[in-house]
């Protein structure tokens, strides 16, 4: 009898309990494990494993992922009490108002200093610092630059050929005083 004939003969017993016990005996956990350890067993099971893994991952995402995301967001950005938010906004507004008032006060003081030093008041707004000391230093820089610019301009005009007064006191005296000093050399005239 061939193996095919044996299988055909066994088909008539498929519905009996003896047949089921025989087939169950063929598939013992050890035999199944031994088959799965082979390359053919792994190839046969891989699609099933992938399908089950994907299904399990989707189930986990559905059940747990949003909760973990929400917990992490809450940890990084904790919910603030509306009173705390309002208090923070009010503190920010007060700080802005105090800063603006301090700047206005510095502007007034800087304009007074600029007026006293005969500097252009329209430029003072650009030299206001964080505090009075820094503002005073900035105005000092403005004064120095302004003075140097005026001196350079005056020197440039004088070098264009205009008369430069000498330091000689006799050139500035009238004729009578000059004649008097010439006859009396021991007398000195002071300013």
N, C-alpha and C. Protein backbone atom coordinates (compact mmCIF):
# COMPACT_ATOMS: atom_id res chain seq x y z
N UNK A 1 0.85 -1.16 0.00
CA UNK A 1 0.00 0.00 0.00
C UNK A 1 0.91 1.24 0.00
N UNK A 2 0.55 2.21 -0.85
CA UNK A 2 1.34 3.44 -0.95
C UNK A 2 0.83 4.46 0.09
N UNK A 3 1.66 5.49 0.23
CA UNK A 3 1.32 6.55 1.19
C UNK A 3 0.05 7.26 0.76
N UNK A 4 -0.17 7.46 -0.51
CA UNK A 4 -1.37 8.11 -1.02
C UNK A 4 -2.60 7.25 -0.72
N UNK A 5 -2.46 5.94 -0.80
CA UNK A 5 -3.58 5.05 -0.49
C UNK A 5 -3.91 5.09 1.00
N UNK A 6 -2.88 5.24 1.81
CA UNK A 6 -3.10 5.33 3.26
C UNK A 6 -3.86 6.61 3.59
N UNK A 7 -3.48 7.71 2.95
CA UNK A 7 -4.16 8.99 3.21
C UNK A 7 -5.61 8.90 2.75
N UNK A 8 -5.85 8.31 1.61
CA UNK A 8 -7.22 8.17 1.10
C UNK A 8 -8.06 7.31 2.04
N UNK A 9 -7.46 6.27 2.59
CA UNK A 9 -8.18 5.39 3.51
C UNK A 9 -8.50 6.12 4.81
N UNK A 10 -7.60 6.98 5.23
CA UNK A 10 -7.81 7.71 6.50
C UNK A 10 -8.89 8.77 6.37
N UNK A 11 -9.15 9.26 5.18
CA UNK A 11 -10.15 10.31 5.00
C UNK A 11 -11.53 9.85 5.45
N UNK A 12 -11.80 8.56 5.35
CA UNK A 12 -13.12 8.07 5.77
C UNK A 12 -13.31 8.13 7.28
N UNK A 13 -12.16 8.29 8.01
CA UNK A 13 -12.25 8.34 9.47
C UNK A 13 -12.09 9.77 10.04
N UNK A 14 -12.10 10.78 9.20
CA UNK A 14 -11.84 12.16 9.63
C UNK A 14 -12.80 12.64 10.71
N UNK A 15 -13.99 12.19 10.74
CA UNK A 15 -15.00 12.67 11.70
C UNK A 15 -14.98 11.91 13.02
N UNK A 16 -14.15 10.88 13.11
CA UNK A 16 -14.14 10.08 14.34
C UNK A 16 -13.19 10.67 15.36
N UNK A 17 -13.43 10.31 16.63
CA UNK A 17 -12.57 10.79 17.72
C UNK A 17 -11.19 10.17 17.65
N UNK A 18 -11.08 8.96 17.21
CA UNK A 18 -9.78 8.30 17.09
C UNK A 18 -8.88 9.04 16.09
N UNK A 19 -9.47 9.47 14.97
CA UNK A 19 -8.71 10.20 13.97
C UNK A 19 -8.20 11.52 14.56
N UNK A 20 -9.07 12.23 15.28
CA UNK A 20 -8.68 13.52 15.87
C UNK A 20 -7.56 13.33 16.88
N UNK A 21 -7.63 12.26 17.69
CA UNK A 21 -6.57 12.01 18.66
C UNK A 21 -5.25 11.69 17.96
N UNK A 22 -5.33 10.92 16.84
CA UNK A 22 -4.14 10.58 16.08
C UNK A 22 -3.48 11.84 15.50
N UNK A 23 -4.28 12.69 14.90
CA UNK A 23 -3.75 13.93 14.29
C UNK A 23 -3.21 14.85 15.38
N UNK A 24 -3.91 14.97 16.50
CA UNK A 24 -3.41 15.81 17.60
C UNK A 24 -2.08 15.28 18.12
N UNK A 25 -1.90 13.99 18.10
CA UNK A 25 -0.64 13.39 18.54
C UNK A 25 0.50 13.72 17.61
N UNK A 26 0.19 13.95 16.33
CA UNK A 26 1.25 14.33 15.39
C UNK A 26 1.78 15.74 15.65
N UNK A 27 0.91 16.61 16.13
CA UNK A 27 1.28 18.02 16.35
C UNK A 27 1.53 18.29 17.83
N UNK A 28 2.57 17.76 18.37
CA UNK A 28 2.94 18.02 19.76
C UNK A 28 3.71 19.34 19.81
N UNK A 29 3.73 20.00 20.96
CA UNK A 29 4.46 21.26 21.06
C UNK A 29 5.93 21.13 20.67
N UNK A 30 6.54 20.00 21.01
CA UNK A 30 7.95 19.81 20.67
C UNK A 30 8.14 19.76 19.16
N UNK A 31 7.24 19.00 18.45
CA UNK A 31 7.35 18.89 17.00
C UNK A 31 7.09 20.24 16.31
N UNK A 32 6.09 20.98 16.80
CA UNK A 32 5.79 22.31 16.22
C UNK A 32 6.97 23.25 16.43
N UNK A 33 7.54 23.24 17.64
CA UNK A 33 8.69 24.10 17.93
C UNK A 33 9.87 23.73 17.05
N UNK A 34 10.10 22.44 16.88
CA UNK A 34 11.21 21.99 16.03
C UNK A 34 10.99 22.46 14.59
N UNK A 35 9.76 22.41 14.10
CA UNK A 35 9.46 22.88 12.75
C UNK A 35 9.67 24.40 12.64
N UNK A 36 9.21 25.15 13.64
CA UNK A 36 9.34 26.61 13.60
C UNK A 36 10.79 27.06 13.68
N UNK A 37 11.66 26.23 14.26
CA UNK A 37 13.08 26.58 14.32
C UNK A 37 13.78 26.41 12.97
N UNK A 38 13.15 25.73 12.05
CA UNK A 38 13.76 25.56 10.73
C UNK A 38 13.47 26.78 9.87
N UNK A 39 14.23 26.92 8.77
CA UNK A 39 14.05 28.06 7.86
C UNK A 39 12.66 28.03 7.23
N UNK A 40 12.18 26.86 6.87
CA UNK A 40 10.85 26.73 6.27
C UNK A 40 9.77 27.14 7.27
N UNK A 41 9.95 26.79 8.53
CA UNK A 41 8.99 27.16 9.57
C UNK A 41 8.96 28.67 9.80
N UNK A 42 10.12 29.29 9.77
CA UNK A 42 10.19 30.74 9.95
C UNK A 42 9.55 31.47 8.78
N UNK A 43 9.78 31.00 7.56
CA UNK A 43 9.16 31.61 6.38
C UNK A 43 7.65 31.47 6.44
N UNK A 44 7.18 30.31 6.91
CA UNK A 44 5.73 30.08 6.99
C UNK A 44 5.08 30.96 8.06
N UNK A 45 5.78 31.22 9.15
CA UNK A 45 5.19 31.97 10.27
C UNK A 45 5.39 33.48 10.16
N UNK A 46 6.37 33.98 9.40
CA UNK A 46 6.69 35.41 9.37
C UNK A 46 5.50 36.29 8.99
N UNK A 47 4.73 35.99 7.94
CA UNK A 47 3.56 36.84 7.65
C UNK A 47 2.56 36.89 8.80
N UNK A 48 2.36 35.76 9.46
CA UNK A 48 1.44 35.71 10.59
C UNK A 48 1.97 36.57 11.75
N UNK A 49 3.27 36.48 12.01
CA UNK A 49 3.89 37.27 13.09
C UNK A 49 3.78 38.76 12.77
N UNK A 50 4.07 39.13 11.51
CA UNK A 50 3.99 40.54 11.12
C UNK A 50 2.56 41.07 11.27
N UNK A 51 1.60 40.27 10.85
CA UNK A 51 0.19 40.68 10.94
C UNK A 51 -0.21 40.87 12.41
N UNK A 52 0.18 39.93 13.26
CA UNK A 52 -0.17 40.03 14.68
C UNK A 52 0.54 41.21 15.34
N UNK A 53 1.80 41.45 14.96
CA UNK A 53 2.55 42.57 15.53
C UNK A 53 1.92 43.90 15.15
N UNK A 54 1.55 44.03 13.87
CA UNK A 54 0.92 45.27 13.40
C UNK A 54 -0.41 45.49 14.12
N UNK A 55 -1.17 44.40 14.26
CA UNK A 55 -2.46 44.51 14.95
C UNK A 55 -2.26 44.90 16.42
N UNK A 56 -1.26 44.28 17.06
CA UNK A 56 -0.97 44.61 18.46
C UNK A 56 -0.50 46.05 18.62
N UNK A 57 0.33 46.52 17.68
CA UNK A 57 0.81 47.91 17.74
C UNK A 57 -0.35 48.89 17.56
N UNK A 58 -1.23 48.62 16.62
CA UNK A 58 -2.38 49.49 16.42
C UNK A 58 -3.28 49.52 17.65
N UNK A 59 -3.48 48.38 18.24
CA UNK A 59 -4.29 48.31 19.46
C UNK A 59 -3.63 49.12 20.58
N UNK A 60 -2.32 48.97 20.72
CA UNK A 60 -1.60 49.72 21.75
C UNK A 60 -1.70 51.22 21.50
N UNK A 61 -1.53 51.63 20.23
CA UNK A 61 -1.64 53.06 19.89
C UNK A 61 -3.02 53.58 20.26
N UNK A 62 -4.03 52.81 19.89
CA UNK A 62 -5.41 53.24 20.16
C UNK A 62 -5.66 53.37 21.66
N UNK A 63 -5.15 52.42 22.43
CA UNK A 63 -5.45 52.39 23.86
C UNK A 63 -4.52 53.27 24.69
N UNK A 64 -3.25 53.43 24.31
CA UNK A 64 -2.27 54.05 25.20
C UNK A 64 -1.58 55.30 24.67
N UNK A 65 -1.38 55.42 23.38
CA UNK A 65 -0.52 56.47 22.84
C UNK A 65 -1.02 57.88 23.16
N UNK A 66 -2.31 58.12 22.96
CA UNK A 66 -2.83 59.46 23.22
C UNK A 66 -2.67 59.85 24.68
N UNK A 67 -2.85 58.89 25.56
CA UNK A 67 -2.67 59.16 26.99
C UNK A 67 -1.22 59.53 27.30
N UNK A 68 -0.27 58.82 26.68
CA UNK A 68 1.15 59.14 26.90
C UNK A 68 1.50 60.50 26.34
N UNK A 69 0.97 60.84 25.16
CA UNK A 69 1.22 62.15 24.57
C UNK A 69 0.65 63.24 25.46
N UNK A 70 -0.57 63.06 25.92
CA UNK A 70 -1.19 64.05 26.80
C UNK A 70 -0.40 64.23 28.09
N UNK A 71 0.08 63.12 28.65
CA UNK A 71 0.85 63.20 29.89
C UNK A 71 2.16 63.95 29.66
N UNK A 72 2.81 63.70 28.54
CA UNK A 72 4.08 64.39 28.24
C UNK A 72 3.85 65.88 27.99
N UNK A 73 2.79 66.21 27.28
CA UNK A 73 2.46 67.63 27.04
C UNK A 73 2.16 68.31 28.37
N UNK A 74 1.41 67.64 29.22
CA UNK A 74 1.08 68.22 30.52
C UNK A 74 2.33 68.40 31.37
N UNK A 75 3.27 67.46 31.25
CA UNK A 75 4.52 67.55 32.00
C UNK A 75 5.37 68.72 31.51
N UNK A 76 5.45 68.88 30.20
CA UNK A 76 6.27 69.97 29.63
C UNK A 76 5.58 71.32 29.73
N UNK A 77 4.28 71.33 29.57
CA UNK A 77 3.52 72.58 29.60
C UNK A 77 2.36 72.41 30.59
N UNK A 78 2.66 72.52 31.87
CA UNK A 78 1.60 72.29 32.86
C UNK A 78 0.48 73.32 32.72
N UNK A 79 -0.72 72.82 32.98
CA UNK A 79 -1.87 73.72 32.92
C UNK A 79 -1.74 74.76 34.01
N UNK A 80 -1.94 75.98 33.62
CA UNK A 80 -1.86 77.06 34.60
C UNK A 80 -3.27 77.43 35.03
N UNK A 81 -3.36 77.81 36.27
CA UNK A 81 -4.62 78.28 36.80
C UNK A 81 -4.94 79.61 36.10
N UNK A 82 -6.18 79.84 35.70
CA UNK A 82 -6.51 81.11 35.03
C UNK A 82 -6.11 82.33 35.87
N UNK A 83 -6.16 82.19 37.18
CA UNK A 83 -5.73 83.31 38.04
C UNK A 83 -4.24 83.57 37.87
N UNK A 84 -3.45 82.48 37.78
CA UNK A 84 -2.01 82.64 37.59
C UNK A 84 -1.70 83.28 36.24
N UNK A 85 -2.45 82.88 35.21
CA UNK A 85 -2.25 83.46 33.88
C UNK A 85 -2.56 84.95 33.92
N UNK A 86 -3.67 85.31 34.53
CA UNK A 86 -4.08 86.72 34.62
C UNK A 86 -3.05 87.51 35.43
N UNK A 87 -2.58 86.92 36.53
CA UNK A 87 -1.58 87.57 37.36
C UNK A 87 -0.29 87.80 36.57
N UNK A 88 0.12 86.81 35.79
CA UNK A 88 1.32 86.95 34.96
C UNK A 88 1.17 88.05 33.93
N UNK A 89 -0.01 88.14 33.31
CA UNK A 89 -0.26 89.20 32.34
C UNK A 89 -0.20 90.57 33.01
N UNK A 90 -0.80 90.68 34.18
CA UNK A 90 -0.80 91.96 34.90
C UNK A 90 0.62 92.35 35.31
N UNK A 91 1.41 91.38 35.77
CA UNK A 91 2.80 91.67 36.14
C UNK A 91 3.59 92.14 34.94
N UNK A 92 3.35 91.53 33.78
CA UNK A 92 4.04 91.95 32.56
C UNK A 92 3.65 93.38 32.17
N UNK A 93 2.37 93.70 32.30
CA UNK A 93 1.92 95.06 31.99
C UNK A 93 2.54 96.08 32.95
N UNK A 94 2.58 95.74 34.23
CA UNK A 94 3.17 96.65 35.22
C UNK A 94 4.65 96.86 34.92
N UNK A 95 5.35 95.79 34.60
CA UNK A 95 6.78 95.90 34.28
C UNK A 95 6.98 96.78 33.05
N UNK A 96 6.11 96.63 32.05
CA UNK A 96 6.23 97.46 30.84
C UNK A 96 5.97 98.92 31.16
N UNK A 97 4.96 99.18 32.00
CA UNK A 97 4.67 100.56 32.39
C UNK A 97 5.82 101.18 33.19
N UNK A 98 6.40 100.40 34.10
CA UNK A 98 7.53 100.90 34.88
C UNK A 98 8.72 101.20 33.98
N UNK A 99 8.96 100.35 33.02
CA UNK A 99 10.08 100.56 32.10
C UNK A 99 9.85 101.81 31.25
N UNK A 100 8.60 101.99 30.80
CA UNK A 100 8.28 103.17 30.00
C UNK A 100 8.42 104.45 30.84
N UNK A 101 7.97 104.41 32.10
CA UNK A 101 8.09 105.58 32.98
C UNK A 101 9.56 105.90 33.24
N UNK A 102 10.36 104.88 33.46
CA UNK A 102 11.79 105.10 33.69
C UNK A 102 12.44 105.70 32.45
N UNK A 103 12.05 105.24 31.28
CA UNK A 103 12.61 105.78 30.04
C UNK A 103 12.22 107.25 29.86
N UNK A 104 10.97 107.58 30.17
CA UNK A 104 10.54 108.98 30.06
C UNK A 104 11.32 109.86 31.03
N UNK A 105 11.54 109.35 32.24
CA UNK A 105 12.30 110.10 33.23
C UNK A 105 13.74 110.32 32.75
N UNK A 106 14.33 109.28 32.20
CA UNK A 106 15.69 109.39 31.65
C UNK A 106 15.72 110.38 30.49
N UNK A 107 14.69 110.38 29.66
CA UNK A 107 14.62 111.30 28.53
C UNK A 107 14.59 112.74 29.02
N UNK A 108 13.79 112.99 30.04
CA UNK A 108 13.69 114.36 30.58
C UNK A 108 15.04 114.80 31.14
N UNK A 109 15.69 113.93 31.91
CA UNK A 109 17.00 114.28 32.47
C UNK A 109 18.03 114.48 31.36
N UNK A 110 18.00 113.61 30.36
CA UNK A 110 18.95 113.71 29.25
C UNK A 110 18.73 114.99 28.46
N UNK A 111 17.49 115.39 28.26
CA UNK A 111 17.21 116.64 27.55
C UNK A 111 17.72 117.84 28.35
N UNK A 112 17.59 117.78 29.68
CA UNK A 112 18.09 118.87 30.52
C UNK A 112 19.62 118.96 30.41
N UNK A 113 20.30 117.83 30.47
CA UNK A 113 21.77 117.82 30.35
C UNK A 113 22.19 118.32 28.97
N UNK A 114 21.49 117.89 27.93
CA UNK A 114 21.83 118.31 26.57
C UNK A 114 21.62 119.81 26.40
N UNK A 115 20.56 120.34 26.97
CA UNK A 115 20.31 121.77 26.90
C UNK A 115 21.40 122.53 27.64
N UNK A 116 21.79 122.03 28.79
CA UNK A 116 22.84 122.66 29.59
C UNK A 116 24.18 122.66 28.84
N UNK A 117 24.46 121.60 28.12
CA UNK A 117 25.73 121.50 27.40
C UNK A 117 25.63 122.02 25.97
N UNK A 118 24.47 122.58 25.63
CA UNK A 118 24.22 123.16 24.31
C UNK A 118 24.39 122.13 23.19
N UNK A 119 23.82 120.94 23.43
CA UNK A 119 23.82 119.87 22.44
C UNK A 119 22.44 119.82 21.78
N UNK A 120 22.34 119.26 20.59
CA UNK A 120 21.02 119.17 19.94
C UNK A 120 20.09 118.21 20.70
N UNK A 121 19.02 118.74 21.21
CA UNK A 121 18.08 117.97 22.01
C UNK A 121 17.37 116.91 21.17
N UNK A 122 17.23 117.14 19.88
CA UNK A 122 16.53 116.19 19.02
C UNK A 122 17.26 114.85 18.91
N UNK A 123 18.57 114.84 19.22
CA UNK A 123 19.35 113.60 19.14
C UNK A 123 19.38 112.83 20.46
N UNK A 124 18.94 113.43 21.52
CA UNK A 124 19.07 112.84 22.85
C UNK A 124 18.32 111.51 22.95
N UNK A 125 17.21 111.38 22.27
CA UNK A 125 16.41 110.16 22.35
C UNK A 125 17.21 108.92 21.93
N UNK A 126 18.18 109.11 21.04
CA UNK A 126 18.98 107.98 20.56
C UNK A 126 20.09 107.59 21.53
N UNK A 127 20.31 108.37 22.55
CA UNK A 127 21.42 108.13 23.47
C UNK A 127 20.96 107.71 24.87
N UNK A 128 19.68 107.41 25.02
CA UNK A 128 19.16 106.97 26.31
C UNK A 128 19.56 105.52 26.53
N UNK A 129 20.13 105.24 27.70
CA UNK A 129 20.57 103.88 28.04
C UNK A 129 19.58 103.21 28.98
N UNK A 130 20.07 102.15 29.62
CA UNK A 130 19.24 101.39 30.55
C UNK A 130 19.04 102.10 31.89
N UNK A 131 20.03 102.91 32.27
CA UNK A 131 19.93 103.64 33.54
C UNK A 131 20.55 105.02 33.37
N UNK A 132 20.52 105.81 34.45
CA UNK A 132 20.99 107.19 34.38
C UNK A 132 22.48 107.26 34.10
N UNK A 133 23.25 106.36 34.69
CA UNK A 133 24.70 106.36 34.48
C UNK A 133 25.03 106.11 33.01
N UNK A 134 24.41 105.11 32.43
CA UNK A 134 24.68 104.80 31.03
C UNK A 134 24.22 105.94 30.12
N UNK A 135 23.09 106.55 30.44
CA UNK A 135 22.60 107.68 29.65
C UNK A 135 23.57 108.84 29.71
N UNK A 136 24.10 109.13 30.92
CA UNK A 136 25.07 110.21 31.08
C UNK A 136 26.33 109.92 30.26
N UNK A 137 26.78 108.68 30.29
CA UNK A 137 27.96 108.30 29.50
C UNK A 137 27.68 108.45 28.01
N UNK A 138 26.50 108.06 27.57
CA UNK A 138 26.14 108.18 26.16
C UNK A 138 26.09 109.64 25.73
N UNK A 139 25.56 110.50 26.59
CA UNK A 139 25.51 111.93 26.26
C UNK A 139 26.93 112.50 26.23
N UNK A 140 27.81 112.01 27.10
CA UNK A 140 29.21 112.42 27.07
C UNK A 140 29.86 112.06 25.74
N UNK A 141 29.54 110.89 25.22
CA UNK A 141 30.05 110.48 23.91
C UNK A 141 29.50 111.40 22.83
N UNK A 142 28.20 111.74 22.92
CA UNK A 142 27.60 112.68 21.96
C UNK A 142 28.29 114.03 22.04
N UNK A 143 28.52 114.52 23.25
CA UNK A 143 29.16 115.81 23.43
C UNK A 143 30.56 115.82 22.81
N UNK A 144 31.32 114.77 23.06
CA UNK A 144 32.67 114.68 22.51
C UNK A 144 32.64 114.66 20.98
N UNK A 145 31.76 113.83 20.41
CA UNK A 145 31.66 113.73 18.95
C UNK A 145 31.18 115.04 18.35
N UNK A 146 30.22 115.68 19.01
CA UNK A 146 29.68 116.95 18.51
C UNK A 146 30.74 118.04 18.55
N UNK A 147 31.48 118.11 19.65
CA UNK A 147 32.54 119.11 19.79
C UNK A 147 33.63 118.90 18.75
N UNK A 148 34.03 117.65 18.56
CA UNK A 148 35.06 117.35 17.56
C UNK A 148 34.58 117.71 16.16
N UNK A 149 33.32 117.43 15.86
CA UNK A 149 32.79 117.76 14.54
C UNK A 149 32.76 119.27 14.32
N UNK A 150 32.37 120.02 15.34
CA UNK A 150 32.34 121.49 15.22
C UNK A 150 33.76 122.02 15.06
N UNK A 151 34.70 121.51 15.85
CA UNK A 151 36.10 121.96 15.75
C UNK A 151 36.67 121.65 14.37
N UNK A 152 36.40 120.49 13.85
CA UNK A 152 36.89 120.12 12.52
C UNK A 152 36.29 121.04 11.47
N UNK A 153 35.02 121.36 11.60
CA UNK A 153 34.37 122.25 10.64
C UNK A 153 34.96 123.66 10.71
N UNK A 154 35.17 124.15 11.91
CA UNK A 154 35.75 125.49 12.08
C UNK A 154 37.18 125.52 11.53
N UNK A 155 37.97 124.50 11.83
CA UNK A 155 39.34 124.44 11.32
C UNK A 155 39.34 124.40 9.80
N UNK A 156 38.43 123.65 9.21
CA UNK A 156 38.37 123.57 7.75
C UNK A 156 38.03 124.92 7.14
N UNK A 157 37.16 125.66 7.75
CA UNK A 157 36.80 126.99 7.22
C UNK A 157 37.94 127.99 7.39
N UNK A 158 38.64 127.88 8.51
CA UNK A 158 39.75 128.80 8.73
C UNK A 158 40.89 128.53 7.76
N UNK A 159 41.06 127.28 7.37
CA UNK A 159 42.14 126.93 6.45
C UNK A 159 41.82 127.31 5.01
N UNK A 160 40.62 127.76 4.75
CA UNK A 160 40.25 128.16 3.39
C UNK A 160 40.82 129.52 3.02
N UNK A 161 41.63 130.09 3.84
CA UNK A 161 42.26 131.36 3.50
C UNK A 161 41.74 132.54 4.30
N UNK A 162 40.90 132.34 5.21
CA UNK A 162 40.42 133.44 6.05
C UNK A 162 41.51 133.84 7.04
N UNK A 163 41.39 135.01 7.59
CA UNK A 163 42.36 135.53 8.53
C UNK A 163 42.25 134.81 9.87
N UNK A 164 43.39 134.33 10.36
CA UNK A 164 43.45 133.69 11.67
C UNK A 164 44.08 134.69 12.62
N UNK A 165 43.39 135.08 13.68
CA UNK A 165 43.95 136.06 14.61
C UNK A 165 45.17 135.46 15.32
N UNK A 166 46.18 136.29 15.51
CA UNK A 166 47.38 135.81 16.19
C UNK A 166 47.25 135.98 17.68
N UNK A 167 48.16 135.34 18.39
CA UNK A 167 48.15 135.44 19.84
C UNK A 167 48.88 136.71 20.31
N UNK A 168 49.45 137.44 19.41
CA UNK A 168 50.20 138.65 19.76
C UNK A 168 49.24 139.71 20.27
N UNK A 169 49.44 140.15 21.52
CA UNK A 169 48.53 141.12 22.15
C UNK A 169 48.66 142.49 21.49
N UNK A 170 49.83 142.80 20.97
CA UNK A 170 50.04 144.13 20.39
C UNK A 170 49.25 144.29 19.10
N UNK A 171 48.96 143.21 18.38
CA UNK A 171 48.20 143.31 17.15
C UNK A 171 46.75 143.65 17.44
N UNK A 172 46.29 143.35 18.66
CA UNK A 172 44.90 143.60 19.02
C UNK A 172 44.72 144.97 19.70
N UNK A 173 45.80 145.68 19.92
CA UNK A 173 45.71 146.98 20.64
C UNK A 173 45.55 148.12 19.65
N UNK A 174 44.97 149.17 20.19
CA UNK A 174 44.87 150.37 19.36
C UNK A 174 46.23 151.09 19.32
N UNK A 175 46.36 152.06 18.52
CA UNK A 175 47.65 152.75 18.32
C UNK A 175 48.17 153.44 19.56
N UNK A 176 47.30 154.05 20.36
CA UNK A 176 47.72 154.78 21.56
C UNK A 176 48.31 153.81 22.57
N UNK A 177 47.63 152.67 22.80
CA UNK A 177 48.10 151.69 23.78
C UNK A 177 49.43 151.11 23.33
N UNK A 178 49.54 150.82 22.05
CA UNK A 178 50.78 150.26 21.53
C UNK A 178 51.93 151.24 21.71
N UNK A 179 51.69 152.52 21.45
CA UNK A 179 52.74 153.54 21.60
C UNK A 179 53.12 153.68 23.06
N UNK A 180 52.15 153.62 23.95
CA UNK A 180 52.42 153.73 25.39
C UNK A 180 53.31 152.58 25.86
N UNK A 181 52.97 151.35 25.43
CA UNK A 181 53.74 150.18 25.85
C UNK A 181 55.15 150.20 25.25
N UNK A 182 55.26 150.78 24.10
CA UNK A 182 56.57 150.86 23.46
C UNK A 182 57.49 151.78 24.25
N UNK A 183 57.00 152.84 24.81
CA UNK A 183 57.80 153.77 25.61
C UNK A 183 58.01 153.29 27.02
N UNK A 184 57.12 152.42 27.51
CA UNK A 184 57.22 151.87 28.87
C UNK A 184 57.28 150.34 28.80
N UNK A 185 58.41 149.76 28.47
CA UNK A 185 58.49 148.31 28.30
C UNK A 185 58.34 147.52 29.60
N UNK A 186 58.55 148.11 30.74
CA UNK A 186 58.42 147.38 32.02
C UNK A 186 56.96 147.20 32.47
N UNK A 187 56.03 147.83 31.81
CA UNK A 187 54.61 147.69 32.15
C UNK A 187 54.01 146.56 31.29
N UNK A 188 53.28 145.69 31.96
CA UNK A 188 52.61 144.55 31.28
C UNK A 188 51.12 144.74 31.40
N UNK A 189 50.44 144.51 30.29
CA UNK A 189 48.97 144.59 30.30
C UNK A 189 48.43 143.15 30.38
N UNK A 190 47.53 142.94 31.33
CA UNK A 190 46.90 141.62 31.49
C UNK A 190 45.44 141.70 31.12
N UNK A 191 44.87 140.58 30.79
CA UNK A 191 43.45 140.56 30.39
C UNK A 191 42.54 140.76 31.54
